[in-house]
Structure formats: structure tokens, C-alpha cells
Amino acid sequence: MDWRAAFSREHQPQPAEMEAFINSPHWQALRSYIEDTYKIQPLYDYSTCSMQEGWSIRYRKGVRAICSMYPMEGYFMCMVSIGHKELAEAEELIKDCSEYIQHLFEKTDLFNGGKLLLAKVQDEEVLEDVKKLIELRCRGKKKKA
């Protein structure tokens, strides 16, 4: 089933409908992690982004975009914004991530001095890597001592 066909711009899905469509324990695991750890509530949004059009969940900390989660059948995509101020720290963090995330980081072009990583979350290893990237994003640039 196609997500955009099932839930058009005029038909916002309920959280349970999203979860049923995705049918992955990683969806709720990441949502709970973000909401419990950072006390951030989801924003439901119909994205017209060329990377992934359709209903999604976005998380923001203040005005700062943290990540967006896009439902797919059997898994989901998570786009994490890595700002230009976090890029050097992200390059170090990526060395300890899965080969998939390392390759994704390497092949993703710079955008406004940072990177928009759009990861397929299909397994526990990628889920944990995405959590690390979100932690970096929520921390922001470390202040110099």
C-alpha cells in the first residue's frame, strides 16, 4: 500500500494508523526515546519535501529542527539535520556507527554547510545510530571551556 495514496493531504492519519502501517517496533522505540529523553512532543505535518512527500512526524527543540520521521510499509525513514556547527563532531561520531550510516553520511552532500541524513530505520543497529545523531543534534555545538 502506498502511504500517500492511503493518507492524502486532506486525511491526516491517527497515531495508531501510522503505527499499524509501519508495523515496526523501532517506530515507537524512537518516538518514546525522543519524547521521554528530550521532553519534545511530535508535530504532525504533511510534507511536500522532495525527499519524502506525505504525512510525517517532526520533532523540534525550540526553533531547532531535530528530526523528521516518515512512515514506510514495514519500516520508516528518519531525517536528522546535522548543522554546520555540529559537522566536525558528527564526523567523529560516525566512525563508531554502522557501515550503513557511515556510507550514508559520506554520500550525503552538504546543504547550507551541514547535512540532512535520511536513514532507513529497519534494524536495531540503525535505530541506535539515529539516537546518537539525535543526541548530537539536541546537544548542539559544545561550548569551549
Protein backbone atom coordinates (compact mmCIF):
# COMPACT_ATOMS: atom_id res chain seq x y z
CA MET A 1 0.00 0.00 0.00
CA ASP A 2 1.24 3.48 -0.87
CA TRP A 3 1.38 5.83 2.12
CA ARG A 4 0.50 8.96 0.15
CA ALA A 5 -2.47 7.25 -1.52
CA ALA A 6 -3.81 5.96 1.81
CA PHE A 7 -3.42 9.30 3.61
CA SER A 8 -3.79 12.29 1.35
CA ARG A 9 -3.17 15.84 2.48
CA GLU A 10 -6.87 16.05 3.43
CA HIS A 11 -6.83 12.85 5.54
CA GLN A 12 -4.43 13.15 8.48
CA PRO A 13 -3.68 9.69 9.89
CA GLN A 14 -4.15 8.94 13.55
CA PRO A 15 -1.06 7.80 15.50
CA ALA A 16 -2.41 4.22 15.63
CA GLU A 17 -2.89 4.21 11.84
CA MET A 18 0.71 5.32 11.35
CA GLU A 19 1.98 2.65 13.70
CA ALA A 20 -0.11 -0.07 12.03
CA PHE A 21 1.10 0.93 8.56
CA ILE A 22 4.75 0.95 9.61
CA ASN A 23 4.45 -2.25 11.65
CA SER A 24 7.90 -1.90 13.21
CA PRO A 25 8.81 -1.83 16.92
CA HIS A 26 11.54 0.70 16.08
CA TRP A 27 8.94 3.40 15.30
CA GLN A 28 7.56 3.52 18.83
CA ALA A 29 11.01 2.93 20.33
CA LEU A 30 12.41 6.06 18.65
CA ARG A 31 9.32 8.14 19.41
CA SER A 32 9.46 7.16 23.09
CA TYR A 33 13.19 7.86 23.23
CA ILE A 34 12.77 11.39 21.81
CA GLU A 35 9.67 12.27 23.81
CA ASP A 36 10.91 10.87 27.13
CA THR A 37 14.56 11.94 26.89
CA TYR A 38 14.13 15.42 25.43
CA LYS A 39 10.54 16.19 26.50
CA ILE A 40 9.61 17.06 22.92
CA GLN A 41 6.13 16.47 21.51
CA PRO A 42 5.60 15.41 17.89
CA LEU A 43 4.25 17.74 15.24
CA TYR A 44 2.17 16.02 12.57
CA ASP A 45 2.84 17.54 9.21
CA TYR A 46 2.10 16.90 5.57
CA SER A 47 5.47 17.27 3.93
CA THR A 48 5.87 18.35 0.34
CA CYS A 49 9.62 17.76 0.65
CA SER A 50 11.02 16.12 -2.45
CA MET A 51 12.98 13.69 -0.23
CA GLN A 52 9.80 12.13 1.17
CA GLU A 53 6.34 13.52 0.47
CA GLY A 54 3.37 12.73 2.72
CA TRP A 55 2.36 12.76 6.38
CA SER A 56 5.25 12.69 8.80
CA ILE A 57 6.15 13.44 12.37
CA ARG A 58 8.60 16.23 13.07
CA TYR A 59 10.44 16.98 16.28
CA ARG A 60 11.75 20.42 17.15
CA LYS A 61 13.55 21.71 20.22
CA GLY A 62 12.52 25.34 20.30
CA VAL A 63 13.09 26.58 16.75
CA ARG A 64 15.73 23.94 16.11
CA ALA A 65 14.72 21.04 13.82
CA ILE A 66 15.81 17.76 15.39
CA CYS A 67 14.42 15.10 13.07
CA SER A 68 11.51 14.07 10.87
CA MET A 69 10.08 10.54 10.72
CA TYR A 70 8.45 9.32 7.51
CA PRO A 71 6.25 6.18 7.51
CA MET A 72 7.03 3.42 5.05
CA GLU A 73 5.46 -0.02 4.83
CA GLY A 74 7.40 -2.22 7.27
CA TYR A 75 9.90 0.45 8.34
CA PHE A 76 10.35 4.22 8.46
CA MET A 77 12.77 6.86 7.31
CA CYS A 78 14.29 9.29 9.77
CA MET A 79 15.85 12.51 8.57
CA VAL A 80 18.26 14.03 11.07
CA SER A 81 19.59 17.52 10.49
CA ILE A 82 23.29 17.90 11.21
CA GLY A 83 24.08 21.60 11.30
CA HIS A 84 27.34 23.12 10.14
CA LYS A 85 28.34 23.78 13.76
CA GLU A 86 27.94 20.06 14.59
CA LEU A 87 29.56 18.69 11.46
CA ALA A 88 33.06 18.13 12.88
CA GLU A 89 31.67 16.34 15.93
CA ALA A 90 29.35 14.31 13.70
CA GLU A 91 32.30 13.18 11.58
CA GLU A 92 33.91 11.73 14.72
CA LEU A 93 30.66 10.16 15.95
CA ILE A 94 30.01 8.50 12.58
CA LYS A 95 33.23 6.46 12.92
CA ASP A 96 31.51 4.40 15.65
CA CYS A 97 28.28 3.91 13.69
CA SER A 98 27.17 1.10 11.40
CA GLU A 99 28.60 0.80 7.89
CA TYR A 100 25.20 1.84 6.55
CA ILE A 101 25.22 5.16 8.46
CA GLN A 102 28.89 5.75 7.63
CA HIS A 103 28.14 5.27 3.93
CA LEU A 104 25.03 7.45 4.13
CA PHE A 105 26.99 10.24 5.83
CA GLU A 106 29.78 10.00 3.25
CA LYS A 107 27.46 10.13 0.23
CA THR A 108 25.17 12.89 1.58
CA ASP A 109 26.04 16.26 0.08
CA LEU A 110 26.49 19.36 2.19
CA PHE A 111 23.41 21.57 2.49
CA ASN A 112 23.91 25.05 3.99
CA GLY A 113 27.16 23.79 5.50
CA GLY A 114 25.53 20.78 7.18
CA LYS A 115 23.92 17.51 6.16
CA LEU A 116 20.40 16.13 6.06
CA LEU A 117 20.74 12.41 6.70
CA LEU A 118 17.73 10.38 5.55
CA ALA A 119 18.17 6.93 7.10
CA LYS A 120 16.08 3.79 6.63
CA VAL A 121 15.38 2.52 10.13
CA GLN A 122 14.93 -1.21 9.62
CA ASP A 123 17.01 -2.71 12.40
CA GLU A 124 18.25 -2.13 15.94
CA GLU A 125 21.75 -1.07 14.87
CA VAL A 126 20.49 1.80 12.70
CA LEU A 127 17.97 2.76 15.38
CA GLU A 128 20.80 3.16 17.90
CA ASP A 129 22.88 5.17 15.40
CA VAL A 130 19.95 7.51 14.77
CA LYS A 131 19.59 8.01 18.54
CA LYS A 132 23.26 9.04 18.69
CA LEU A 133 22.74 11.56 15.90
CA ILE A 134 19.65 12.95 17.62
CA GLU A 135 21.62 13.27 20.86
CA LEU A 136 24.26 15.26 19.00
CA ARG A 137 21.58 17.45 17.42
CA CYS A 138 19.89 18.13 20.76
CA ARG A 139 23.19 18.99 22.41
CA GLY A 140 24.24 21.38 19.66
CA LYS A 141 27.74 22.72 19.39
CA LYS A 142 29.78 22.12 22.51
CA LYS A 143 30.85 25.32 24.21
CA LYS A 144 34.56 25.93 24.51
CA ALA A 145 35.95 25.78 28.03
